[in-house]
């Protein structure tokens, strides 16, 4: 004996058709530009440039660069800000003497 759900119940089976619109081709993600350039990203992070300037130099969006840095554990952004501040303070101190 085959059981069939009653009409209007949650057990009804539905057929779902999915239509993908033409012309939308999947492309490479932006952070794929960075995967082979980890050494260059690390070198640029050691400078006092802003994230926006580094992203512009690498040809990616700043949010992409931030996400890449966090996912790859390249550096801690708070520690980087403290390092840049310390370097700027040392430059000012050297310039005043």
Protein backbone atom coordinates (compact mmCIF):
# COMPACT_ATOMS: atom_id res chain seq x y z
CA UNK A 1 0.00 0.00 0.00
CA UNK A 2 1.41 3.33 -1.04
CA UNK A 3 0.78 6.33 1.22
CA UNK A 4 0.16 9.67 -0.34
CA UNK A 5 0.08 12.93 1.57
CA UNK A 6 -3.19 14.78 1.72
CA UNK A 7 -3.64 17.89 -0.37
CA UNK A 8 -2.49 21.08 1.31
CA UNK A 9 -0.10 19.42 3.72
CA UNK A 10 3.57 20.23 4.06
CA UNK A 11 4.51 16.86 2.61
CA UNK A 12 3.47 17.71 -0.92
CA UNK A 13 6.21 17.35 -3.49
CA UNK A 14 7.02 20.34 -5.63
CA UNK A 15 8.99 20.60 -8.80
CA UNK A 16 11.37 23.54 -8.87
CA UNK A 17 12.76 24.88 -12.12
CA UNK A 18 15.91 26.97 -12.00
CA UNK A 19 16.78 29.25 -14.87
CA UNK A 20 20.26 30.72 -15.08
CA UNK A 21 20.43 33.93 -17.00
CA UNK A 22 22.76 33.87 -19.96
CA UNK A 23 25.75 36.14 -20.20
CA UNK A 24 26.74 35.80 -16.56
CA UNK A 25 30.04 33.99 -16.69
CA UNK A 26 31.82 33.18 -13.49
CA UNK A 27 35.21 34.83 -13.35
CA UNK A 28 38.23 34.78 -11.14
CA UNK A 29 37.75 36.28 -7.72
CA UNK A 30 39.68 39.43 -6.97
CA UNK A 31 41.80 37.94 -4.23
CA UNK A 32 43.08 35.30 -6.66
CA UNK A 33 45.35 38.09 -7.90
CA UNK A 34 47.03 38.03 -4.49
CA UNK A 35 47.65 34.31 -3.93
CA UNK A 36 51.00 34.19 -5.69
CA UNK A 37 52.10 37.56 -4.30
CA UNK A 38 52.21 36.88 -0.55
CA UNK A 39 55.85 38.01 -0.23
CA UNK A 40 55.05 41.29 -2.00
CA UNK A 41 52.00 41.90 0.21
CA UNK A 42 54.09 41.25 3.35
CA UNK A 43 56.78 43.63 2.11
CA UNK A 44 54.21 46.37 1.49
CA UNK A 45 52.59 45.79 4.90
CA UNK A 46 55.95 46.55 6.55
CA UNK A 47 55.88 50.05 5.05
CA UNK A 48 53.91 52.97 6.45
CA UNK A 49 51.50 53.02 3.49
CA UNK A 50 47.79 52.83 4.14
CA UNK A 51 45.77 49.74 3.21
CA UNK A 52 44.06 51.78 0.50
CA UNK A 53 47.42 52.75 -1.06
CA UNK A 54 48.67 49.16 -0.93
CA UNK A 55 45.44 47.86 -2.48
CA UNK A 56 45.68 50.46 -5.23
CA UNK A 57 49.26 49.43 -5.93
CA UNK A 58 48.28 45.75 -6.10
CA UNK A 59 45.20 46.46 -8.23
CA UNK A 60 42.53 45.17 -5.83
CA UNK A 61 39.87 46.69 -3.59
CA UNK A 62 40.85 47.58 0.01
CA UNK A 63 38.17 45.23 1.40
CA UNK A 64 39.63 42.40 -0.68
CA UNK A 65 43.09 43.09 0.68
CA UNK A 66 41.84 43.23 4.29
CA UNK A 67 40.03 39.91 3.86
CA UNK A 68 43.10 38.32 2.30
CA UNK A 69 45.30 39.52 5.16
CA UNK A 70 42.90 38.14 7.78
CA UNK A 71 42.34 34.79 6.05
CA UNK A 72 46.03 34.16 5.44
CA UNK A 73 47.07 35.47 8.89
CA UNK A 74 49.68 37.69 7.27
CA UNK A 75 49.60 40.19 10.10
CA UNK A 76 47.46 41.57 12.88
CA UNK A 77 46.01 44.91 11.76
CA UNK A 78 46.14 46.44 15.26
CA UNK A 79 49.79 45.46 15.67
CA UNK A 80 50.52 46.91 12.23
CA UNK A 81 48.91 50.24 13.20
CA UNK A 82 50.99 50.30 16.40
CA UNK A 83 54.17 49.54 14.44
CA UNK A 84 53.47 52.35 11.96
CA UNK A 85 52.78 54.76 14.82
CA UNK A 86 56.04 53.76 16.52
CA UNK A 87 58.01 54.20 13.29
CA UNK A 88 56.50 57.66 12.76
CA UNK A 89 57.36 58.64 16.34
CA UNK A 90 60.95 57.47 15.87
CA UNK A 91 61.26 59.46 12.64
CA UNK A 92 60.01 62.61 14.40
CA UNK A 93 62.45 62.01 17.24
CA UNK A 94 65.37 61.57 14.83
CA UNK A 95 64.36 64.68 12.87
CA UNK A 96 64.27 66.82 16.02
CA UNK A 97 67.82 65.90 17.09
